[in-house]
Amino acid sequence: MTKESLVKTDIVKVEDKKAVRSFFKILGGVADAVRSWIGNISPDLSNSRDIDSLVLKMNECLNPKGGEVSARKNAVSLGNLYLSLSEKGKIKFLQTLAEKFNPNKVEIDEKIKEYKKNQDPELNYKFEQDLIKILESPRSKILKQFISLPEGLKFIVDMRSDVLKLKNQYRSLNPLENELKNILYTWVDVDLLDLRQITWDSPASLLEKLIKYEAVHKISSWGDLKNRLDSDRLCFAFFHYKIPNEPLIFVEVALVDKIADSIQHLLDESVPSNDPSSASTAIFYSISSTQAGLSGISLGNFLIKRVVEKLSQEFKSIKTYATLSPIPGFTKWLKNNLNQDVTLLGKLNIKQSSAEILESIEQLKTNVGCTNETKQCMLKLCAYYLLKVKNNSGGAYDPVAHFHLSNGASIKQLNWMADTSEKGISQSAGMMVNYLYELPKIDNNHENYMVNKMISCSKKVSSMLKE
């Protein structure tokens, strides 16, 4: 039976509105108090008086007059002050928080002297705790106040996203970025995340987020989305109870009868559905993070492992777990290195010249047909790229390869013209790769890769370098 066809409609991008704007709703009628608390601070923080007022407001968060309700109102007000600022004003806000709310070095030195002078073992713990307390920066204490608010975690995630965009230009923001990351490490722990399946019956607002955040293979229409959520196509996401309506990361899975070698075929809406109960293979073909502020906080590896556990319980017929993955760095690396490493082609026994190979890549953009010689040449170069080209720590240079190999996968096979989209041709000359997750070998593969930098791969792939 053919999958239901839908009239393709243009996808209207959802405006990226920060959920933390609901701060104004917290504690009932606090909006007027917030506006009064902000006062006449300009959106650009354009003069020294504005900065002085901002520092005063931040100190009020550290030392509130009143109890918990007052402290929460101050945190709400400071959060809304940040959101009300222009881009220029936000930079000054972050710089002020980073530069004027450091730990007090004089007090730290005094506590260290007291600790060293102490001769009573029973007082060691007290001095250690005093030292730990004083080492925590005032800005960290301010940031932690936001977490207690209903939308505070999203606020911290979005603030870190802002800081990440700016920290290379404004080096003073690095300590602030580290503290934001440490807070998120604590709060976005995998044990606090809820694994949920997203289906076609999920709320429209959630389906729109899949369209918006899909980062690997763009969702072109509602029909395309419905196809990806059919009976033999699954989508799973991690949610956090403090950001209940926003997936943090999601993975798309196809239940098929063999390892997939073409993303075009996998996403073809005209292909009949398979019976998921008889599927032998689960293909992970897209994984997308939705929050830039969670960059560097690993969730994808836990998501894949949780989904594998769930599928193995629900679908007893599935024996093979693999990916159909892009190779995003290949053509960029190839173009940069063909002319720099004059020995590369000779080392691989490739007869074509650098100029011929580069010309072939350009021709693929308009015509995916090519000679078998060109195909074999590209496959060999890609195998070399995945197996031999290393990053600074000795792992695979390609970021997607590094991710899956770190998780304990092995390189199963390279697929020619597996992604003929403009993006696929541009990034990897149309090639994709299957990473195989063999459950009994995952731990051993992971340790060999992380400790010994050994990449597990099939003979089919490794033999390409010997031909």
Protein backbone atom coordinates (compact mmCIF):
# COMPACT_ATOMS: atom_id res chain seq x y z
CA MET A 1 0.00 0.00 0.00
CA THR A 2 1.39 3.37 -1.02
CA LYS A 3 1.95 5.97 1.65
CA GLU A 4 -0.72 8.61 1.81
CA SER A 5 0.27 11.51 -0.38
CA LEU A 6 -0.29 15.02 0.85
CA VAL A 7 -0.33 18.23 -1.12
CA LYS A 8 3.02 19.82 -0.47
CA THR A 9 2.75 23.16 1.19
CA ASP A 10 5.34 25.78 1.89
CA ILE A 11 6.68 25.59 5.38
CA VAL A 12 6.36 28.85 7.23
CA LYS A 13 9.28 29.18 9.57
CA VAL A 14 8.24 29.59 13.16
CA GLU A 15 9.51 32.78 14.77
CA ASP A 16 12.14 31.95 17.36
CA LYS A 17 10.50 33.51 20.39
CA LYS A 18 12.29 32.98 23.67
CA ALA A 19 10.15 31.04 26.10
CA VAL A 20 11.65 33.06 28.91
CA ARG A 21 9.54 36.05 27.94
CA SER A 22 6.89 34.37 30.09
CA PHE A 23 8.94 35.66 33.03
CA PHE A 24 6.46 38.54 33.06
CA LYS A 25 3.74 36.05 34.02
CA ILE A 26 5.65 34.63 36.98
CA LEU A 27 4.42 35.58 40.46
CA GLY A 28 1.18 37.04 39.19
CA GLY A 29 1.17 40.81 38.75
CA VAL A 30 4.93 41.25 38.78
CA ALA A 31 5.08 42.99 35.37
CA ASP A 32 4.62 46.48 36.77
CA ALA A 33 7.24 45.83 39.44
CA VAL A 34 9.64 44.63 36.76
CA ARG A 35 9.20 47.76 34.69
CA SER A 36 9.62 49.90 37.78
CA TRP A 37 12.75 47.95 38.78
CA ILE A 38 14.31 48.37 35.32
CA GLY A 39 13.66 52.10 35.45
CA ASN A 40 15.20 54.30 32.77
CA ILE A 41 18.06 52.01 31.74
CA SER A 42 18.51 52.44 27.98
CA PRO A 43 18.39 49.37 25.67
CA ASP A 44 21.98 50.04 24.54
CA LEU A 45 23.38 50.61 28.06
CA SER A 46 24.91 53.58 26.31
CA ASN A 47 26.39 55.53 29.22
CA SER A 48 28.17 55.01 32.53
CA ARG A 49 24.99 55.79 34.46
CA ASP A 50 23.28 52.82 32.79
CA ILE A 51 26.18 50.54 33.72
CA ASP A 52 26.14 51.80 37.31
CA SER A 53 22.40 51.11 37.49
CA LEU A 54 22.93 47.63 36.05
CA VAL A 55 25.63 46.81 38.62
CA LEU A 56 23.26 48.02 41.34
CA LYS A 57 20.50 45.73 40.03
CA MET A 58 22.87 42.76 39.91
CA ASN A 59 23.95 43.44 43.49
CA GLU A 60 20.30 43.54 44.52
CA CYS A 61 20.01 40.00 43.18
CA LEU A 62 22.98 38.96 45.32
CA ASN A 63 21.73 40.75 48.42
CA PRO A 64 17.93 41.05 48.19
CA LYS A 65 15.99 43.15 50.69
CA GLY A 66 13.31 40.77 51.89
CA GLY A 67 12.70 37.06 51.65
CA GLU A 68 12.44 34.49 48.88
CA VAL A 69 9.61 36.28 47.05
CA SER A 70 11.75 39.42 46.80
CA ALA A 71 14.73 37.40 45.54
CA ARG A 72 12.58 35.73 42.87
CA LYS A 73 11.19 39.10 41.75
CA ASN A 74 14.71 40.46 41.42
CA ALA A 75 15.78 37.45 39.31
CA VAL A 76 12.68 37.85 37.11
CA SER A 77 13.41 41.54 36.72
CA LEU A 78 17.08 41.04 35.84
CA GLY A 79 16.14 38.38 33.29
CA ASN A 80 13.63 40.67 31.66
CA LEU A 81 16.09 43.54 31.70
CA TYR A 82 18.50 41.36 29.70
CA LEU A 83 15.76 40.41 27.23
CA SER A 84 14.74 44.02 26.77
CA LEU A 85 18.23 45.11 25.70
CA SER A 86 19.48 45.62 22.16
CA GLU A 87 22.31 43.44 20.83
CA LYS A 88 24.75 46.16 21.83
CA GLY A 89 23.20 46.34 25.28
CA LYS A 90 23.35 42.58 25.76
CA ILE A 91 27.07 42.60 25.04
CA LYS A 92 27.61 45.22 27.74
CA PHE A 93 25.35 43.30 30.14
CA LEU A 94 27.40 40.11 29.66
CA GLN A 95 30.69 41.99 29.92
CA THR A 96 29.54 43.62 33.16
CA LEU A 97 28.51 40.27 34.62
CA ALA A 98 31.79 38.67 33.51
CA GLU A 99 34.17 41.45 34.57
CA LYS A 100 32.64 42.97 37.72
CA PHE A 101 31.42 39.86 39.54
CA ASN A 102 34.58 37.76 39.85
CA PRO A 103 35.64 35.99 43.07
CA ASN A 104 37.40 38.28 45.55
CA LYS A 105 41.10 37.43 45.29
CA VAL A 106 41.99 39.14 48.58
CA GLU A 107 39.39 37.15 50.49
CA ILE A 108 40.53 33.93 48.79
CA ASP A 109 44.15 34.59 49.79
CA GLU A 110 43.07 35.22 53.41
CA LYS A 111 41.05 32.00 53.54
CA ILE A 112 43.96 30.03 52.12
CA LYS A 113 46.25 31.49 54.83
CA GLU A 114 43.73 30.56 57.53
CA TYR A 115 43.47 27.05 56.13
CA LYS A 116 47.24 26.59 56.06
CA LYS A 117 47.62 27.92 59.63
CA ASN A 118 44.97 25.62 61.05
CA GLN A 119 46.42 22.89 63.26
CA ASP A 120 43.15 21.34 64.37
CA PRO A 121 42.12 18.40 62.11
CA GLU A 122 38.54 18.73 63.30
CA LEU A 123 38.36 22.21 61.78
CA ASN A 124 39.74 21.19 58.37
CA TYR A 125 36.29 20.50 56.95
CA LYS A 126 34.99 23.92 58.07
CA PHE A 127 37.90 25.74 56.45
CA GLU A 128 37.54 23.68 53.27
CA GLN A 129 33.86 24.54 53.01
CA ASP A 130 34.59 28.21 53.64
CA LEU A 131 37.15 28.13 50.84
CA ILE A 132 34.77 26.37 48.45
CA LYS A 133 32.08 28.94 49.21
CA ILE A 134 34.33 31.94 48.61
CA LEU A 135 35.75 30.47 45.37
CA GLU A 136 32.29 30.54 43.82
CA SER A 137 31.98 33.75 41.87
CA PRO A 138 29.15 36.22 42.58
CA ARG A 139 28.08 35.95 38.91
CA SER A 140 27.61 32.19 39.34
CA LYS A 141 25.31 32.86 42.29
CA ILE A 142 23.29 35.27 40.14
CA LEU A 143 23.01 32.75 37.30
CA LYS A 144 21.84 30.00 39.66
CA GLN A 145 18.95 32.19 40.81
CA PHE A 146 17.44 31.96 37.32
CA ILE A 147 17.34 28.15 37.49
CA SER A 148 14.73 28.22 40.27
CA LEU A 149 12.28 30.03 37.97
CA PRO A 150 9.89 28.02 35.77
CA GLU A 151 11.57 29.13 32.52
CA GLY A 152 14.99 29.72 34.05
CA LEU A 153 16.78 26.79 32.43
CA LYS A 154 15.75 27.95 28.94
CA PHE A 155 16.99 31.42 29.86
CA ILE A 156 20.41 30.03 30.83
CA VAL A 157 20.56 27.94 27.63
CA ASP A 158 19.76 30.98 25.50
CA MET A 159 22.21 33.20 27.37
CA ARG A 160 25.00 30.68 26.76
CA SER A 161 24.04 30.65 23.08
CA ASP A 162 24.53 34.43 23.05
CA VAL A 163 27.88 34.13 24.85
CA LEU A 164 29.16 31.43 22.46
CA LYS A 165 28.60 33.78 19.52
CA LEU A 166 30.58 36.53 21.23
CA LYS A 167 33.36 34.91 23.23
CA ASN A 168 35.93 34.78 20.42
CA GLN A 169 35.57 38.52 19.97
CA TYR A 170 35.27 39.32 23.69
CA ARG A 171 37.74 37.14 25.59
CA SER A 172 36.57 38.41 28.98
CA LEU A 173 33.39 36.36 28.48
CA ASN A 174 35.24 33.01 28.71
CA PRO A 175 34.80 32.58 32.51
CA LEU A 176 31.10 33.41 32.15
CA GLU A 177 30.73 30.84 29.37
CA ASN A 178 32.46 28.18 31.49
CA GLU A 179 30.16 28.85 34.45
CA LEU A 180 27.06 28.71 32.25
CA LYS A 181 28.30 25.39 30.83
CA ASN A 182 28.94 23.98 34.32
CA ILE A 183 25.42 24.91 35.41
CA LEU A 184 23.99 23.23 32.32
CA TYR A 185 26.12 20.11 32.88
CA THR A 186 24.42 19.75 36.25
CA TRP A 187 20.88 20.44 35.09
CA VAL A 188 20.91 18.70 31.69
CA ASP A 189 22.05 15.39 33.10
CA VAL A 190 20.85 12.38 31.09
CA ASP A 191 19.02 11.05 34.16
CA LEU A 192 16.85 14.18 34.15
CA LEU A 193 15.84 13.72 30.50
CA ASP A 194 12.67 12.05 29.29
CA LEU A 195 12.75 9.96 26.09
CA ARG A 196 9.57 10.47 24.05
CA GLN A 197 8.44 9.31 20.64
CA ILE A 198 7.16 12.05 18.34
CA THR A 199 4.40 10.91 16.00
CA TRP A 200 2.15 12.47 13.38
CA ASP A 201 -0.45 12.79 16.16
CA SER A 202 1.85 14.94 18.30
CA PRO A 203 0.84 18.60 18.76
CA ALA A 204 1.31 20.79 15.67
CA SER A 205 3.57 23.12 17.64
CA LEU A 206 5.94 20.21 18.29
CA LEU A 207 5.86 19.05 14.65
CA GLU A 208 6.76 22.58 13.58
CA LYS A 209 9.84 22.35 15.78
CA LEU A 210 10.98 19.22 13.91
CA ILE A 211 10.69 21.16 10.66
CA LYS A 212 12.54 24.11 12.13
CA TYR A 213 15.41 22.24 13.81
CA GLU A 214 16.08 19.38 11.34
CA ALA A 215 19.75 19.95 10.56
CA VAL A 216 20.81 17.01 8.38
CA HIS A 217 18.13 16.49 5.72
CA LYS A 218 15.80 19.47 5.37
CA ILE A 219 12.09 18.70 5.74
CA SER A 220 10.60 20.14 2.56
CA SER A 221 6.87 19.89 3.27
CA TRP A 222 4.21 18.56 5.60
CA GLY A 223 4.02 15.54 3.31
CA ASP A 224 7.74 14.94 3.79
CA LEU A 225 7.27 15.18 7.56
CA LYS A 226 4.31 12.78 7.54
CA ASN A 227 6.40 10.32 5.54
CA ARG A 228 9.16 10.49 8.17
CA LEU A 229 6.61 9.69 10.88
CA ASP A 230 4.92 6.77 9.08
CA SER A 231 4.56 3.32 10.65
CA ASP A 232 8.04 2.25 9.52
CA ARG A 233 9.64 5.62 10.31
CA LEU A 234 10.17 6.70 13.91
CA CYS A 235 11.34 9.83 15.69
CA PHE A 236 12.55 9.99 19.29
CA ALA A 237 13.59 13.03 21.32
CA PHE A 238 14.98 13.97 24.71
CA PHE A 239 12.90 16.45 26.73
CA HIS A 240 13.70 18.19 30.01
CA TYR A 241 10.99 18.79 32.60
CA LYS A 242 11.99 22.46 32.86
CA ILE A 243 11.67 22.91 29.06
CA PRO A 244 8.70 20.56 28.54
CA ASN A 245 7.57 21.70 25.09
CA GLU A 246 10.96 21.89 23.38
CA PRO A 247 12.93 18.82 22.28
CA LEU A 248 16.62 19.20 23.17
CA ILE A 249 17.75 16.68 20.54
CA PHE A 250 15.94 14.23 18.27
CA VAL A 251 16.83 11.27 16.07
CA GLU A 252 14.99 9.88 13.04
CA VAL A 253 14.95 6.12 12.43
CA ALA A 254 13.87 3.97 9.48
CA LEU A 255 12.84 0.35 10.00
CA VAL A 256 13.92 -1.56 6.88
CA ASP A 257 15.06 -5.00 5.71
CA LYS A 258 18.71 -4.18 4.95
CA ILE A 259 21.37 -1.53 5.54
CA ALA A 260 20.28 1.54 3.56
CA ASP A 261 22.64 2.96 0.92
CA SER A 262 20.62 5.96 -0.36
CA ILE A 263 18.95 8.79 1.51
CA GLN A 264 16.87 9.59 -1.59
CA HIS A 265 15.28 6.13 -1.46
CA LEU A 266 14.88 6.25 2.30
CA LEU A 267 12.92 9.53 2.14
CA ASP A 268 11.00 8.81 -1.08
CA GLU A 269 7.31 9.41 -0.32
CA SER A 270 6.20 7.13 -3.16
CA VAL A 271 7.90 4.03 -1.74
CA PRO A 272 5.39 1.68 -0.03
CA SER A 273 5.56 1.32 3.74
CA ASN A 274 7.21 -1.73 5.26
CA ASP A 275 5.68 -3.80 8.01
CA PRO A 276 7.69 -2.59 11.03
CA SER A 277 7.15 -5.88 12.87
CA SER A 278 9.13 -7.74 10.20
CA ALA A 279 11.98 -5.22 9.86
CA SER A 280 15.46 -6.62 10.43
CA THR A 281 17.39 -3.34 10.44
CA ALA A 282 17.07 0.03 12.17
CA ILE A 283 18.74 2.90 10.30
CA PHE A 284 19.51 6.12 12.19
CA TYR A 285 19.58 8.65 9.36
CA SER A 286 19.36 12.02 11.09
CA ILE A 287 20.19 13.42 14.51
CA SER A 288 19.63 17.11 15.26
CA SER A 289 20.37 19.24 18.31
CA THR A 290 17.92 22.07 18.81
CA GLN A 291 19.65 24.29 21.37
CA ALA A 292 22.86 26.12 20.43
CA GLY A 293 23.36 26.88 24.11
CA LEU A 294 23.86 23.16 24.81
CA SER A 295 26.81 22.91 22.41
CA GLY A 296 29.56 20.75 23.88
CA ILE A 297 27.18 18.95 26.24
CA SER A 298 26.95 15.45 24.83
CA LEU A 299 23.40 14.14 24.51
CA GLY A 300 23.47 12.36 21.14
CA ASN A 301 25.37 9.29 22.34
CA PHE A 302 22.91 8.73 25.19
CA LEU A 303 19.96 9.28 22.86
CA ILE A 304 21.14 6.63 20.39
CA LYS A 305 21.79 4.11 23.18
CA ARG A 306 18.38 4.71 24.75
CA VAL A 307 16.63 4.35 21.40
CA VAL A 308 18.52 1.12 20.63
CA GLU A 309 17.40 -0.25 24.02
CA LYS A 310 13.79 0.73 23.33
CA LEU A 311 13.73 -0.70 19.81
CA SER A 312 15.36 -3.97 20.89
CA GLN A 313 12.57 -4.42 23.45
CA GLU A 314 9.72 -3.53 21.09
CA PHE A 315 10.92 -5.07 17.80
CA LYS A 316 12.39 -8.52 18.36
CA SER A 317 13.01 -8.98 14.63
CA ILE A 318 15.56 -6.14 14.50
CA LYS A 319 19.10 -7.54 14.61
CA THR A 320 21.08 -4.76 12.92
CA TYR A 321 21.51 -1.17 14.09
CA ALA A 322 23.31 1.18 11.73
CA THR A 323 23.36 4.75 10.49
CA LEU A 324 23.24 6.37 7.10
CA SER A 325 25.47 9.34 7.82
CA PRO A 326 26.81 12.38 5.98
CA ILE A 327 30.55 13.03 5.64
CA PRO A 328 30.43 16.81 6.08
CA GLY A 329 34.14 17.61 5.98
CA PHE A 330 35.30 15.49 3.05
CA THR A 331 35.33 17.80 0.01
CA LYS A 332 36.60 20.75 2.03
CA TRP A 333 39.49 18.64 3.34
CA LEU A 334 40.16 17.24 -0.14
CA LYS A 335 40.32 20.64 -1.81
CA ASN A 336 42.59 22.01 0.91
CA ASN A 337 44.99 19.05 0.86
CA LEU A 338 45.28 17.92 -2.75
CA ASN A 339 47.66 20.72 -3.59
CA GLN A 340 49.40 20.82 -0.21
CA ASP A 341 50.20 17.09 0.09
CA VAL A 342 51.89 16.24 -3.19
CA THR A 343 52.53 12.66 -2.05
CA LEU A 344 48.90 11.82 -1.24
CA LEU A 345 47.80 10.62 -4.69
CA GLY A 346 50.97 8.59 -5.23
CA LYS A 347 50.67 7.01 -1.78
CA LEU A 348 47.15 5.82 -2.69
CA ASN A 349 48.20 4.72 -6.19
CA ILE A 350 45.75 7.16 -7.77
CA LYS A 351 46.52 7.98 -11.41
CA GLN A 352 44.37 11.10 -11.80
CA SER A 353 45.98 14.47 -11.19
CA SER A 354 44.80 16.93 -8.53
CA ALA A 355 43.35 19.14 -11.26
CA GLU A 356 41.35 16.24 -12.74
CA ILE A 357 39.93 15.27 -9.35
CA LEU A 358 38.92 18.83 -8.53
CA GLU A 359 37.31 19.15 -11.95
CA SER A 360 35.36 15.92 -11.33
CA ILE A 361 33.99 17.33 -8.07
CA GLU A 362 32.78 20.44 -9.88
CA GLN A 363 31.15 18.37 -12.61
CA LEU A 364 29.18 16.36 -10.05
CA LYS A 365 27.31 19.55 -9.13
CA THR A 366 25.60 19.53 -12.53
CA ASN A 367 25.82 15.85 -13.51
CA VAL A 368 26.02 13.02 -10.97
CA GLY A 369 27.06 10.60 -13.71
CA CYS A 370 30.79 9.92 -13.97
CA THR A 371 33.28 7.27 -15.03
CA ASN A 372 33.95 4.22 -12.88
CA GLU A 373 37.56 5.41 -12.56
CA THR A 374 36.37 8.66 -10.97
CA LYS A 375 34.00 6.77 -8.67
CA GLN A 376 36.74 4.42 -7.41
CA CYS A 377 39.13 7.33 -6.97
CA MET A 378 36.62 9.27 -4.83
CA LEU A 379 35.73 6.24 -2.73
CA LYS A 380 39.41 5.55 -2.03
CA LEU A 381 40.07 9.17 -1.06
CA CYS A 382 37.01 9.14 1.19
CA ALA A 383 38.11 5.92 2.88
CA TYR A 384 41.53 7.49 3.49
CA TYR A 385 39.85 10.61 4.92
CA LEU A 386 37.74 8.61 7.38
CA LEU A 387 40.43 6.14 8.44
CA LYS A 388 43.69 8.10 8.32
CA VAL A 389 43.03 11.82 8.72
CA LYS A 390 43.13 12.77 12.41
CA ASN A 391 42.10 15.68 14.59
CA ASN A 392 44.43 17.29 17.14
CA SER A 393 43.67 14.64 19.77
CA GLY A 394 44.33 11.73 17.43
CA GLY A 395 40.70 10.86 16.70
CA ALA A 396 38.90 10.95 13.37
CA TYR A 397 39.03 14.38 11.75
CA ASP A 398 35.47 14.17 10.43
CA PRO A 399 33.12 15.32 13.25
CA VAL A 400 30.33 12.85 12.44
CA ALA A 401 32.82 9.97 12.24
CA HIS A 402 34.34 11.02 15.57
CA PHE A 403 30.88 11.12 17.17
CA HIS A 404 29.86 7.61 16.10
CA LEU A 405 33.28 6.03 16.64
CA SER A 406 33.35 7.54 20.14
CA ASN A 407 30.03 5.82 20.77
CA GLY A 408 31.49 2.43 19.87
CA ALA A 409 30.33 2.10 16.27
CA SER A 410 32.42 0.78 13.38
CA ILE A 411 32.64 1.94 9.77
CA LYS A 412 30.59 -0.56 7.75
CA GLN A 413 30.49 0.71 4.15
CA LEU A 414 30.79 3.75 1.89
CA ASN A 415 27.89 4.50 -0.44
CA TRP A 416 28.36 6.22 -3.80
CA MET A 417 25.79 8.87 -4.77
CA ALA A 418 23.85 8.20 -1.58
CA ASP A 419 22.96 11.89 -1.23
CA THR A 420 22.55 13.69 -4.53
CA SER A 421 21.14 16.86 -2.97
CA GLU A 422 23.05 20.10 -3.47
CA LYS A 423 24.28 19.87 0.12
CA GLY A 424 25.33 16.23 -0.27
CA ILE A 425 27.31 16.86 -3.46
CA SER A 426 28.93 19.96 -1.99
CA GLN A 427 29.98 18.35 1.31
CA SER A 428 30.96 14.85 0.31
CA ALA A 429 30.70 14.44 -3.48
CA GLY A 430 27.40 12.65 -2.85
CA MET A 431 28.87 9.91 -0.68
CA MET A 432 27.48 8.72 2.67
CA VAL A 433 28.72 6.16 5.16
CA ASN A 434 27.10 3.49 7.33
CA TYR A 435 28.29 3.23 10.93
CA LEU A 436 27.39 -0.13 12.44
CA TYR A 437 26.39 -0.49 16.10
CA GLU A 438 27.06 -4.13 17.01
CA LEU A 439 25.80 -4.36 20.58
CA PRO A 440 28.33 -6.96 21.84
CA LYS A 441 31.24 -4.94 20.40
CA ILE A 442 30.24 -1.38 21.35
CA ASP A 443 32.17 -1.18 24.64
CA ASN A 444 35.33 -2.68 23.16
CA ASN A 445 35.17 -0.43 20.08
CA HIS A 446 34.64 2.61 22.27
CA GLU A 447 37.64 1.83 24.47
CA ASN A 448 39.92 1.03 21.53
CA TYR A 449 39.00 4.29 19.85
CA MET A 450 39.14 6.56 22.90
CA VAL A 451 42.28 5.05 24.46
CA ASN A 452 44.25 3.63 21.53
CA LYS A 453 42.78 5.78 18.71
CA MET A 454 42.00 2.59 16.78
CA ILE A 455 39.15 2.84 14.26
CA SER A 456 37.04 -0.27 13.80
CA CYS A 457 35.99 -0.83 10.19
CA SER A 458 34.91 -3.57 7.82
CA LYS A 459 37.36 -5.32 5.50
CA LYS A 460 35.40 -3.88 2.60
CA VAL A 461 36.33 -0.33 3.65
CA SER A 462 39.91 -1.00 4.74
CA SER A 463 40.64 -2.90 1.50
CA MET A 464 39.86 0.24 -0.53
CA LEU A 465 43.20 1.67 0.55
CA LYS A 466 45.06 -1.38 -0.75
CA GLU A 467 43.57 -1.47 -4.26
